[in-house]
PDB file of all heavy atoms in Angstrom:
ATOM      1  N   ILE A   1      91.180  86.963  84.232  1.00  0.00           N
ATOM      2  CA  ILE A   1      90.886  87.751  85.386  1.00  0.00           C
ATOM      3  C   ILE A   1      91.213  89.204  85.138  1.00  0.00           C
ATOM      4  O   ILE A   1      90.410  90.097  85.400  1.00  0.00           O
ATOM      5  CB  ILE A   1      91.653  87.204  86.604  1.00  0.00           C
ATOM      6  CG1 ILE A   1      91.219  85.767  86.929  1.00  0.00           C
ATOM      7  CG2 ILE A   1      91.443  88.117  87.843  1.00  0.00           C
ATOM      8  CD1 ILE A   1      91.981  85.111  88.063  1.00  0.00           C
ATOM      9  N   PHE A   2      92.443  89.491  84.678  1.00  0.00           N
ATOM     10  CA  PHE A   2      92.883  90.874  84.471  1.00  0.00           C
ATOM     11  C   PHE A   2      92.971  91.268  83.005  1.00  0.00           C
ATOM     12  O   PHE A   2      93.294  92.412  82.703  1.00  0.00           O
ATOM     13  CB  PHE A   2      94.282  91.068  85.114  1.00  0.00           C
ATOM     14  CG  PHE A   2      94.249  90.945  86.600  1.00  0.00           C
ATOM     15  CD1 PHE A   2      94.699  89.762  87.204  1.00  0.00           C
ATOM     16  CD2 PHE A   2      93.816  91.947  87.424  1.00  0.00           C
ATOM     17  CE1 PHE A   2      94.672  89.592  88.574  1.00  0.00           C
ATOM     18  CE2 PHE A   2      93.738  91.811  88.800  1.00  0.00           C
ATOM     19  CZ  PHE A   2      94.195  90.629  89.392  1.00  0.00           C
ATOM     20  N   GLY A   3      92.747  90.314  82.087  1.00  0.00           N
ATOM     21  CA  GLY A   3      92.818  90.633  80.693  1.00  0.00           C
ATOM     22  C   GLY A   3      91.485  90.948  80.069  1.00  0.00           C
ATOM     23  O   GLY A   3      90.511  91.274  80.770  1.00  0.00           O
ATOM     24  N   GLY A   4      91.405  90.821  78.761  1.00  0.00           N
ATOM     25  CA  GLY A   4      90.179  91.166  78.053  1.00  0.00           C
ATOM     26  C   GLY A   4      89.005  90.258  78.405  1.00  0.00           C
ATOM     27  O   GLY A   4      87.842  90.663  78.259  1.00  0.00           O
ATOM     28  N   LEU A   5      89.290  89.060  78.895  1.00  0.00           N
ATOM     29  CA  LEU A   5      88.246  88.125  79.310  1.00  0.00           C
ATOM     30  C   LEU A   5      87.796  88.294  80.742  1.00  0.00           C
ATOM     31  O   LEU A   5      86.869  87.618  81.194  1.00  0.00           O
ATOM     32  CB  LEU A   5      88.708  86.658  79.056  1.00  0.00           C
ATOM     33  CG  LEU A   5      89.118  86.309  77.641  1.00  0.00           C
ATOM     34  CD1 LEU A   5      89.658  84.902  77.611  1.00  0.00           C
ATOM     35  CD2 LEU A   5      87.976  86.478  76.691  1.00  0.00           C
ATOM     36  N   GLY A   6      88.456  89.136  81.504  1.00  0.00           N
ATOM     37  CA  GLY A   6      88.199  89.258  82.913  1.00  0.00           C
ATOM     38  C   GLY A   6      87.519  90.551  83.312  1.00  0.00           C
ATOM     39  O   GLY A   6      87.515  91.508  82.569  1.00  0.00           O
ATOM     40  N   HIS A   7      86.976  90.569  84.519  1.00  0.00           N
ATOM     41  CA  HIS A   7      86.259  91.726  85.025  1.00  0.00           C
ATOM     42  C   HIS A   7      87.168  92.668  85.845  1.00  0.00           C
ATOM     43  O   HIS A   7      86.703  93.669  86.346  1.00  0.00           O
ATOM     44  CB  HIS A   7      85.061  91.301  85.872  1.00  0.00           C
ATOM     45  CG  HIS A   7      85.319  90.166  86.788  1.00  0.00           C
ATOM     46  ND1 HIS A   7      85.224  88.861  86.392  1.00  0.00           N
ATOM     47  CD2 HIS A   7      85.765  90.148  88.094  1.00  0.00           C
ATOM     48  CE1 HIS A   7      85.529  88.073  87.405  1.00  0.00           C
ATOM     49  NE2 HIS A   7      85.858  88.819  88.412  1.00  0.00           N
ATOM     50  N   TYR A   8      88.485  92.359  85.944  1.00  0.00           N
ATOM     51  CA  TYR A   8      89.393  93.233  86.661  1.00  0.00           C
ATOM     52  C   TYR A   8      90.391  93.834  85.664  1.00  0.00           C
ATOM     53  O   TYR A   8      91.489  94.257  86.044  1.00  0.00           O
ATOM     54  CB  TYR A   8      90.190  92.437  87.712  1.00  0.00           C
ATOM     55  CG  TYR A   8      89.365  91.951  88.846  1.00  0.00           C
ATOM     56  CD1 TYR A   8      88.994  90.596  88.921  1.00  0.00           C
ATOM     57  CD2 TYR A   8      88.907  92.759  89.845  1.00  0.00           C
ATOM     58  CE1 TYR A   8      88.251  90.067  89.948  1.00  0.00           C
ATOM     59  CE2 TYR A   8      88.144  92.288  90.874  1.00  0.00           C
ATOM     60  CZ  TYR A   8      87.813  90.956  90.962  1.00  0.00           C
ATOM     61  OH  TYR A   8      87.053  90.484  91.990  1.00  0.00           O
ATOM     62  N   SER A   9      90.024  94.001  84.372  1.00  0.00           N
ATOM     63  CA  SER A   9      90.949  94.479  83.412  1.00  0.00           C
ATOM     64  C   SER A   9      91.407  95.905  83.632  1.00  0.00           C
ATOM     65  O   SER A   9      92.520  96.303  83.288  1.00  0.00           O
ATOM     66  CB  SER A   9      90.320  94.368  81.994  1.00  0.00           C
ATOM     67  OG  SER A   9      89.093  95.118  81.935  1.00  0.00           O
ATOM     68  N   ALA A  10      90.593  96.725  84.253  1.00  0.00           N
ATOM     69  CA  ALA A  10      90.944  98.102  84.556  1.00  0.00           C
ATOM     70  C   ALA A  10      92.140  98.214  85.492  1.00  0.00           C
ATOM     71  O   ALA A  10      92.785  99.255  85.531  1.00  0.00           O
ATOM     72  CB  ALA A  10      89.743  98.884  85.105  1.00  0.00           C
ATOM     73  N   ILE A  11      92.418  97.144  86.227  1.00  0.00           N
ATOM     74  CA  ILE A  11      93.578  97.153  87.161  1.00  0.00           C
ATOM     75  C   ILE A  11      94.882  97.422  86.375  1.00  0.00           C
ATOM     76  O   ILE A  11      95.841  97.938  86.951  1.00  0.00           O
ATOM     77  CB  ILE A  11      93.628  95.854  87.933  1.00  0.00           C
ATOM     78  CG1 ILE A  11      92.403  95.642  88.777  1.00  0.00           C
ATOM     79  CG2 ILE A  11      94.847  95.766  88.827  1.00  0.00           C
ATOM     80  CD1 ILE A  11      92.216  96.641  89.888  1.00  0.00           C
ATOM     81  N   ASN A  12      94.936  97.067  85.124  1.00  0.00           N
ATOM     82  CA  ASN A  12      96.148  97.221  84.360  1.00  0.00           C
ATOM     83  C   ASN A  12      96.553  98.692  84.235  1.00  0.00           C
ATOM     84  O   ASN A  12      97.708  99.003  83.893  1.00  0.00           O
ATOM     85  CB  ASN A  12      95.982  96.616  82.928  1.00  0.00           C
ATOM     86  CG  ASN A  12      95.937  95.115  82.994  1.00  0.00           C
ATOM     87  OD1 ASN A  12      96.945  94.461  83.292  1.00  0.00           O
ATOM     88  ND2 ASN A  12      94.778  94.538  82.722  1.00  0.00           N
ATOM     89  N   TRP A  13      95.629  99.619  84.457  1.00  0.00           N
ATOM     90  CA  TRP A  13      95.992 101.035  84.381  1.00  0.00           C
ATOM     91  C   TRP A  13      96.959 101.438  85.461  1.00  0.00           C
ATOM     92  O   TRP A  13      97.613 102.474  85.404  1.00  0.00           O
ATOM     93  CB  TRP A  13      94.745 101.913  84.460  1.00  0.00           C
ATOM     94  CG  TRP A  13      93.914 101.896  83.197  1.00  0.00           C
ATOM     95  CD1 TRP A  13      92.759 101.189  82.952  1.00  0.00           C
ATOM     96  CD2 TRP A  13      94.223 102.588  81.970  1.00  0.00           C
ATOM     97  NE1 TRP A  13      92.350 101.427  81.690  1.00  0.00           N
ATOM     98  CE2 TRP A  13      93.198 102.261  81.041  1.00  0.00           C
ATOM     99  CE3 TRP A  13      95.240 103.429  81.547  1.00  0.00           C
ATOM    100  CZ2 TRP A  13      93.181 102.770  79.745  1.00  0.00           C
ATOM    101  CZ3 TRP A  13      95.247 103.923  80.269  1.00  0.00           C
ATOM    102  CH2 TRP A  13      94.221 103.612  79.392  1.00  0.00           C
ATOM    103  N   PHE A  14      97.103 100.590  86.529  1.00  0.00           N
ATOM    104  CA  PHE A  14      98.049 100.872  87.564  1.00  0.00           C
ATOM    105  C   PHE A  14      99.479 100.903  87.011  1.00  0.00           C
ATOM    106  O   PHE A  14     100.342 101.580  87.597  1.00  0.00           O
ATOM    107  CB  PHE A  14      97.928  99.831  88.679  1.00  0.00           C
ATOM    108  CG  PHE A  14      96.847 100.113  89.673  1.00  0.00           C
ATOM    109  CD1 PHE A  14      95.550  99.803  89.414  1.00  0.00           C
ATOM    110  CD2 PHE A  14      97.150 100.761  90.899  1.00  0.00           C
ATOM    111  CE1 PHE A  14      94.553 100.071  90.320  1.00  0.00           C
ATOM    112  CE2 PHE A  14      96.147 101.041  91.814  1.00  0.00           C
ATOM    113  CZ  PHE A  14      94.841 100.667  91.555  1.00  0.00           C
ATOM    114  N   PHE A  15      99.778 100.138  85.963  1.00  0.00           N
ATOM    115  CA  PHE A  15     101.115 100.167  85.361  1.00  0.00           C
ATOM    116  C   PHE A  15     101.450 101.611  84.922  1.00  0.00           C
ATOM    117  O   PHE A  15     102.533 102.130  85.206  1.00  0.00           O
ATOM    118  CB  PHE A  15     101.164  99.265  84.142  1.00  0.00           C
ATOM    119  CG  PHE A  15     101.375  97.800  84.473  1.00  0.00           C
ATOM    120  CD1 PHE A  15     100.386  96.896  84.187  1.00  0.00           C
ATOM    121  CD2 PHE A  15     102.549  97.363  85.035  1.00  0.00           C
ATOM    122  CE1 PHE A  15     100.554  95.539  84.435  1.00  0.00           C
ATOM    123  CE2 PHE A  15     102.742  96.036  85.336  1.00  0.00           C
ATOM    124  CZ  PHE A  15     101.754  95.105  85.041  1.00  0.00           C
ATOM    125  N   LEU A  16     100.518 102.253  84.259  1.00  0.00           N
ATOM    126  CA  LEU A  16     100.717 103.636  83.770  1.00  0.00           C
ATOM    127  C   LEU A  16     100.849 104.586  84.980  1.00  0.00           C
ATOM    128  O   LEU A  16     101.694 105.471  84.970  1.00  0.00           O
ATOM    129  CB  LEU A  16      99.596 104.036  82.864  1.00  0.00           C
ATOM    130  CG  LEU A  16      99.631 105.435  82.256  1.00  0.00           C
ATOM    131  CD1 LEU A  16     100.973 105.602  81.467  1.00  0.00           C
ATOM    132  CD2 LEU A  16      98.426 105.749  81.421  1.00  0.00           C
ATOM    133  N   ALA A  17      99.963 104.428  85.935  1.00  0.00           N
ATOM    134  CA  ALA A  17     100.005 105.324  87.110  1.00  0.00           C
ATOM    135  C   ALA A  17     101.350 105.212  87.839  1.00  0.00           C
ATOM    136  O   ALA A  17     101.914 106.210  88.264  1.00  0.00           O
ATOM    137  CB  ALA A  17      98.848 104.952  88.069  1.00  0.00           C
ATOM    138  N   GLY A  18     101.844 103.987  87.951  1.00  0.00           N
ATOM    139  CA  GLY A  18     103.153 103.791  88.635  1.00  0.00           C
ATOM    140  C   GLY A  18     104.279 104.417  87.876  1.00  0.00           C
ATOM    141  O   GLY A  18     105.220 104.920  88.496  1.00  0.00           O
ATOM    142  N   ALA A  19     104.203 104.419  86.544  1.00  0.00           N
ATOM    143  CA  ALA A  19     105.294 105.001  85.763  1.00  0.00           C
ATOM    144  C   ALA A  19     105.230 106.510  85.816  1.00  0.00           C
ATOM    145  O   ALA A  19     106.274 107.202  85.772  1.00  0.00           O
ATOM    146  CB  ALA A  19     105.147 104.528  84.305  1.00  0.00           C
ATOM    147  N   ILE A  20     104.063 107.094  85.866  1.00  0.00           N
ATOM    148  CA  ILE A  20     103.918 108.544  85.893  1.00  0.00           C
ATOM    149  C   ILE A  20     104.267 109.155  87.254  1.00  0.00           C
ATOM    150  O   ILE A  20     104.862 110.241  87.367  1.00  0.00           O
ATOM    151  CB  ILE A  20     102.437 108.944  85.539  1.00  0.00           C
ATOM    152  CG1 ILE A  20     102.183 108.609  84.084  1.00  0.00           C
ATOM    153  CG2 ILE A  20     102.171 110.417  85.797  1.00  0.00           C
ATOM    154  CD1 ILE A  20     100.754 108.806  83.659  1.00  0.00           C
ATOM    155  N   ALA A  21     103.960 108.434  88.344  1.00  0.00           N
ATOM    156  CA  ALA A  21     104.159 109.002  89.706  1.00  0.00           C
ATOM    157  C   ALA A  21     105.581 109.505  89.982  1.00  0.00           C
ATOM    158  O   ALA A  21     105.760 110.619  90.473  1.00  0.00           O
ATOM    159  CB  ALA A  21     103.731 107.941  90.764  1.00  0.00           C
ATOM    160  N   PRO A  22     106.642 108.699  89.694  1.00  0.00           N
ATOM    161  CA  PRO A  22     107.990 109.239  89.951  1.00  0.00           C
ATOM    162  C   PRO A  22     108.374 110.419  89.063  1.00  0.00           C
ATOM    163  O   PRO A  22     109.136 111.290  89.477  1.00  0.00           O
ATOM    164  CB  PRO A  22     108.892 108.043  89.603  1.00  0.00           C
ATOM    165  CG  PRO A  22     108.041 106.845  89.669  1.00  0.00           C
ATOM    166  CD  PRO A  22     106.688 107.294  89.228  1.00  0.00           C
ATOM    167  N   ILE A  23     107.758 110.488  87.877  1.00  0.00           N
ATOM    168  CA  ILE A  23     108.024 111.653  87.001  1.00  0.00           C
ATOM    169  C   ILE A  23     107.490 112.935  87.636  1.00  0.00           C
ATOM    170  O   ILE A  23     108.136 113.982  87.590  1.00  0.00           O
ATOM    171  CB  ILE A  23     107.374 111.404  85.603  1.00  0.00           C
ATOM    172  CG1 ILE A  23     108.022 110.192  84.896  1.00  0.00           C
ATOM    173  CG2 ILE A  23     107.534 112.647  84.742  1.00  0.00           C
ATOM    174  CD1 ILE A  23     107.358 109.840  83.601  1.00  0.00           C
ATOM    175  N   LEU A  24     106.294 112.837  88.248  1.00  0.00           N
ATOM    176  CA  LEU A  24     105.706 114.010  88.922  1.00  0.00           C
ATOM    177  C   LEU A  24     106.605 114.446  90.077  1.00  0.00           C
ATOM    178  O   LEU A  24     106.815 115.681  90.242  1.00  0.00           O
ATOM    179  CB  LEU A  24     104.330 113.679  89.405  1.00  0.00           C
ATOM    180  CG  LEU A  24     103.273 113.315  88.345  1.00  0.00           C
ATOM    181  CD1 LEU A  24     101.911 112.966  88.988  1.00  0.00           C
ATOM    182  CD2 LEU A  24     103.113 114.432  87.342  1.00  0.00           C
ATOM    183  N   VAL A  25     107.144 113.478  90.852  1.00  0.00           N
ATOM    184  CA  VAL A  25     108.015 113.847  91.927  1.00  0.00           C
ATOM    185  C   VAL A  25     109.309 114.483  91.425  1.00  0.00           C
ATOM    186  O   VAL A  25     109.797 115.474  91.972  1.00  0.00           O
ATOM    187  CB  VAL A  25     108.348 112.577  92.813  1.00  0.00           C
ATOM    188  CG1 VAL A  25     109.356 112.905  93.896  1.00  0.00           C
ATOM    189  CG2 VAL A  25     107.070 112.015  93.408  1.00  0.00           C
ATOM    190  N   TRP A  26     109.855 113.922  90.377  1.00  0.00           N
ATOM    191  CA  TRP A  26     111.092 114.459  89.773  1.00  0.00           C
ATOM    192  C   TRP A  26     110.894 115.841  89.252  1.00  0.00           C
ATOM    193  O   TRP A  26     111.727 116.745  89.475  1.00  0.00           O
ATOM    194  CB  TRP A  26     111.568 113.523  88.679  1.00  0.00           C
ATOM    195  CG  TRP A  26     112.869 113.885  88.036  1.00  0.00           C
ATOM    196  CD1 TRP A  26     114.096 113.661  88.536  1.00  0.00           C
ATOM    197  CD2 TRP A  26     113.057 114.551  86.779  1.00  0.00           C
ATOM    198  NE1 TRP A  26     115.074 114.142  87.681  1.00  0.00           N
ATOM    199  CE2 TRP A  26     114.464 114.703  86.598  1.00  0.00           C
ATOM    200  CE3 TRP A  26     112.188 115.015  85.816  1.00  0.00           C
ATOM    201  CZ2 TRP A  26     114.990 115.292  85.460  1.00  0.00           C
ATOM    202  CZ3 TRP A  26     112.722 115.609  84.677  1.00  0.00           C
ATOM    203  CH2 TRP A  26     114.115 115.732  84.507  1.00  0.00           C
ATOM    204  N   LEU A  27     109.769 116.115  88.594  1.00  0.00           N
ATOM    205  CA  LEU A  27     109.482 117.448  88.079  1.00  0.00           C
ATOM    206  C   LEU A  27     109.297 118.446  89.241  1.00  0.00           C
ATOM    207  O   LEU A  27     109.796 119.586  89.153  1.00  0.00           O
ATOM    208  CB  LEU A  27     108.204 117.427  87.222  1.00  0.00           C
ATOM    209  CG  LEU A  27     108.361 116.673  85.878  1.00  0.00           C
ATOM    210  CD1 LEU A  27     106.988 116.601  85.175  1.00  0.00           C
ATOM    211  CD2 LEU A  27     109.382 117.361  84.972  1.00  0.00           C
ATOM    212  N   ALA A  28     108.631 118.002  90.317  1.00  0.00           N
ATOM    213  CA  ALA A  28     108.464 118.883  91.477  1.00  0.00           C
ATOM    214  C   ALA A  28     109.821 119.208  92.100  1.00  0.00           C
ATOM    215  O   ALA A  28     110.055 120.343  92.524  1.00  0.00           O
ATOM    216  CB  ALA A  28     107.546 118.193  92.503  1.00  0.00           C
ATOM    217  N   HIS A  29     110.693 118.202  92.154  1.00  0.00           N
ATOM    218  CA  HIS A  29     112.039 118.422  92.723  1.00  0.00           C
ATOM    219  C   HIS A  29     112.833 119.424  91.875  1.00  0.00           C
ATOM    220  O   HIS A  29     113.528 120.271  92.418  1.00  0.00           O
ATOM    221  CB  HIS A  29     112.775 117.070  92.801  1.00  0.00           C
ATOM    222  CG  HIS A  29     114.233 117.215  93.126  1.00  0.00           C
ATOM    223  ND1 HIS A  29     114.657 117.721  94.326  1.00  0.00           N
ATOM    224  CD2 HIS A  29     115.327 116.891  92.404  1.00  0.00           C
ATOM    225  CE1 HIS A  29     115.994 117.753  94.334  1.00  0.00           C
ATOM    226  NE2 HIS A  29     116.409 117.246  93.196  1.00  0.00           N
ATOM    227  N   LYS A  30     112.696 119.321  90.549  1.00  0.00           N
ATOM    228  CA  LYS A  30     113.422 120.256  89.677  1.00  0.00           C
ATOM    229  C   LYS A  30     112.817 121.664  89.736  1.00  0.00           C
ATOM    230  O   LYS A  30     113.550 122.666  89.654  1.00  0.00           O
ATOM    231  CB  LYS A  30     113.351 119.735  88.219  1.00  0.00           C
ATOM    232  CG  LYS A  30     114.133 118.469  87.982  1.00  0.00           C
ATOM    233  CD  LYS A  30     115.615 118.682  88.214  1.00  0.00           C
ATOM    234  CE  LYS A  30     116.438 117.408  87.974  1.00  0.00           C
ATOM    235  NZ  LYS A  30     117.878 117.617  88.279  1.00  0.00           N
ATOM    236  N   ALA A  31     111.525 121.699  89.937  1.00  0.00           N
ATOM    237  CA  ALA A  31     110.851 123.001  89.997  1.00  0.00           C
ATOM    238  C   ALA A  31     111.121 123.732  91.315  1.00  0.00           C
ATOM    239  O   ALA A  31     111.188 124.941  91.385  1.00  0.00           O
ATOM    240  CB  ALA A  31     109.326 122.863  89.805  1.00  0.00           C
ATOM    241  N   PHE A  32     111.295 122.979  92.402  1.00  0.00           N
ATOM    242  CA  PHE A  32     111.500 123.508  93.721  1.00  0.00           C
ATOM    243  C   PHE A  32     112.752 122.876  94.336  1.00  0.00           C
ATOM    244  O   PHE A  32     112.631 122.082  95.329  1.00  0.00           O
ATOM    245  CB  PHE A  32     110.280 123.343  94.635  1.00  0.00           C
ATOM    246  CG  PHE A  32     109.011 123.838  94.053  1.00  0.00           C
ATOM    247  CD1 PHE A  32     108.093 122.967  93.406  1.00  0.00           C
ATOM    248  CD2 PHE A  32     108.658 125.170  94.089  1.00  0.00           C
ATOM    249  CE1 PHE A  32     106.914 123.435  92.874  1.00  0.00           C
ATOM    250  CE2 PHE A  32     107.499 125.681  93.550  1.00  0.00           C
ATOM    251  CZ  PHE A  32     106.607 124.803  92.924  1.00  0.00           C
ATOM    252  N   PRO A  33     113.925 123.151  93.837  1.00  0.00           N
ATOM    253  CA  PRO A  33     115.118 122.446  94.307  1.00  0.00           C
ATOM    254  C   PRO A  33     115.490 122.710  95.724  1.00  0.00           C
ATOM    255  O   PRO A  33     116.219 121.922  96.361  1.00  0.00           O
ATOM    256  CB  PRO A  33     116.228 122.982  93.353  1.00  0.00           C
ATOM    257  CG  PRO A  33     115.708 124.294  92.867  1.00  0.00           C
ATOM    258  CD  PRO A  33     114.196 124.127  92.790  1.00  0.00           C
ATOM    259  N   ASN A  34     114.988 123.808  96.301  1.00  0.00           N
ATOM    260  CA  ASN A  34     115.306 124.104  97.696  1.00  0.00           C
ATOM    261  C   ASN A  34     114.425 123.343  98.686  1.00  0.00           C
ATOM    262  O   ASN A  34     114.672 123.375  99.905  1.00  0.00           O
ATOM    263  CB  ASN A  34     115.180 125.612  97.968  1.00  0.00           C
ATOM    264  CG  ASN A  34     116.216 126.420  97.187  1.00  0.00           C
ATOM    265  OD1 ASN A  34     117.333 125.936  96.960  1.00  0.00           O
ATOM    266  ND2 ASN A  34     115.850 127.615  96.714  1.00  0.00           N
ATOM    267  N   GLN A  35     113.369 122.742  98.184  1.00  0.00           N
ATOM    268  CA  GLN A  35     112.466 121.948  99.002  1.00  0.00           C
ATOM    269  C   GLN A  35     112.991 120.532  99.098  1.00  0.00           C
ATOM    270  O   GLN A  35     112.618 119.671  98.319  1.00  0.00           O
ATOM    271  CB  GLN A  35     111.028 122.012  98.504  1.00  0.00           C
ATOM    272  CG  GLN A  35     110.446 123.374  98.394  1.00  0.00           C
ATOM    273  CD  GLN A  35     110.273 124.038  99.757  1.00  0.00           C
ATOM    274  OE1 GLN A  35     109.931 123.376 100.738  1.00  0.00           O
ATOM    275  NE2 GLN A  35     110.558 125.327  99.812  1.00  0.00           N
ATOM    276  N   HIS A  36     113.902 120.268 100.023  1.00  0.00           N
ATOM    277  CA  HIS A  36     114.612 118.988 100.044  1.00  0.00           C
ATOM    278  C   HIS A  36     113.692 117.812 100.394  1.00  0.00           C
ATOM    279  O   HIS A  36     114.008 116.655 100.054  1.00  0.00           O
ATOM    280  CB  HIS A  36     115.757 119.070 101.043  1.00  0.00           C
ATOM    281  CG  HIS A  36     116.795 120.106 100.704  1.00  0.00           C
ATOM    282  ND1 HIS A  36     117.639 119.997  99.597  1.00  0.00           N
ATOM    283  CD2 HIS A  36     117.120 121.248 101.321  1.00  0.00           C
ATOM    284  CE1 HIS A  36     118.426 121.039  99.571  1.00  0.00           C
ATOM    285  NE2 HIS A  36     118.148 121.849 100.599  1.00  0.00           N
ATOM    286  N   TRP A  37     112.592 118.060 101.011  1.00  0.00           N
ATOM    287  CA  TRP A  37     111.680 116.971 101.376  1.00  0.00           C
ATOM    288  C   TRP A  37     111.077 116.337 100.144  1.00  0.00           C
ATOM    289  O   TRP A  37     110.693 115.162 100.221  1.00  0.00           O
ATOM    290  CB  TRP A  37     110.577 117.493 102.296  1.00  0.00           C
ATOM    291  CG  TRP A  37     109.710 118.537 101.680  1.00  0.00           C
ATOM    292  CD1 TRP A  37     109.840 119.875 101.738  1.00  0.00           C
ATOM    293  CD2 TRP A  37     108.494 118.275 100.951  1.00  0.00           C
ATOM    294  NE1 TRP A  37     108.802 120.508 101.042  1.00  0.00           N
ATOM    295  CE2 TRP A  37     107.953 119.542 100.567  1.00  0.00           C
ATOM    296  CE3 TRP A  37     107.774 117.112 100.615  1.00  0.00           C
ATOM    297  CZ2 TRP A  37     106.777 119.673  99.851  1.00  0.00           C
ATOM    298  CZ3 TRP A  37     106.575 117.248  99.912  1.00  0.00           C
ATOM    299  CH2 TRP A  37     106.117 118.496  99.511  1.00  0.00           C
ATOM    300  N   ILE A  38     111.009 117.061  99.027  1.00  0.00           N
ATOM    301  CA  ILE A  38     110.373 116.490  97.856  1.00  0.00           C
ATOM    302  C   ILE A  38     111.185 115.277  97.357  1.00  0.00           C
ATOM    303  O   ILE A  38     110.667 114.258  96.947  1.00  0.00           O
ATOM    304  CB  ILE A  38     110.274 117.547  96.733  1.00  0.00           C
ATOM    305  CG1 ILE A  38     109.336 118.663  97.163  1.00  0.00           C
ATOM    306  CG2 ILE A  38     109.786 116.914  95.409  1.00  0.00           C
ATOM    307  CD1 ILE A  38     109.202 119.792  96.174  1.00  0.00           C
ATOM    308  N   LYS A  39     112.537 115.407  97.401  1.00  0.00           N
ATOM    309  CA  LYS A  39     113.398 114.331  96.918  1.00  0.00           C
ATOM    310  C   LYS A  39     113.270 113.086  97.798  1.00  0.00           C
ATOM    311  O   LYS A  39     113.621 111.969  97.389  1.00  0.00           O
ATOM    312  CB  LYS A  39     114.813 114.783  96.849  1.00  0.00           C
ATOM    313  CG  LYS A  39     115.744 113.835  96.028  1.00  0.00           C
ATOM    314  CD  LYS A  39     117.134 114.403  95.848  1.00  0.00           C
ATOM    315  CE  LYS A  39     117.985 113.462  95.005  1.00  0.00           C
ATOM    316  NZ  LYS A  39     119.335 113.996  94.786  1.00  0.00           N
ATOM    317  N   LEU A  40     112.793 113.256  98.997  1.00  0.00           N
ATOM    318  CA  LEU A  40     112.630 112.085  99.948  1.00  0.00           C
ATOM    319  C   LEU A  40     111.365 111.291  99.631  1.00  0.00           C
ATOM    320  O   LEU A  40     111.171 110.237 100.237  1.00  0.00           O
ATOM    321  CB  LEU A  40     112.588 112.599 101.392  1.00  0.00           C
ATOM    322  CG  LEU A  40     113.884 113.258 101.890  1.00  0.00           C
ATOM    323  CD1 LEU A  40     113.679 113.755 103.278  1.00  0.00           C
ATOM    324  CD2 LEU A  40     115.087 112.331 101.798  1.00  0.00           C
ATOM    325  N   ILE A  41     110.525 111.754  98.737  1.00  0.00           N
ATOM    326  CA  ILE A  41     109.318 110.998  98.326  1.00  0.00           C
ATOM    327  C   ILE A  41     109.803 109.880  97.378  1.00  0.00           C
ATOM    328  O   ILE A  41     110.267 110.151  96.303  1.00  0.00           O
ATOM    329  CB  ILE A  41     108.305 111.883  97.650  1.00  0.00           C
ATOM    330  CG1 ILE A  41     107.817 112.998  98.566  1.00  0.00           C
ATOM    331  CG2 ILE A  41     107.109 111.027  97.179  1.00  0.00           C
ATOM    332  CD1 ILE A  41     106.926 114.015  97.877  1.00  0.00           C
ATOM    333  N   SER A  42     109.716 108.679  97.861  1.00  0.00           N
ATOM    334  CA  SER A  42     110.095 107.535  97.038  1.00  0.00           C
ATOM    335  C   SER A  42     108.858 106.780  96.611  1.00  0.00           C
ATOM    336  O   SER A  42     108.234 106.054  97.420  1.00  0.00           O
ATOM    337  CB  SER A  42     111.047 106.615  97.847  1.00  0.00           C
ATOM    338  OG  SER A  42     111.318 105.444  97.116  1.00  0.00           O
TER     339      SER A  42
END
């Protein structure tokens, strides 16, 4: 279903997207430390 034999294989890219998303928030928090609302993005 989600592997090489399945038609939903592209769903696996969500693993990478999920790993990148917190990094973007962390970088934004470091770049704008006075914007406290950024750190509240979980």
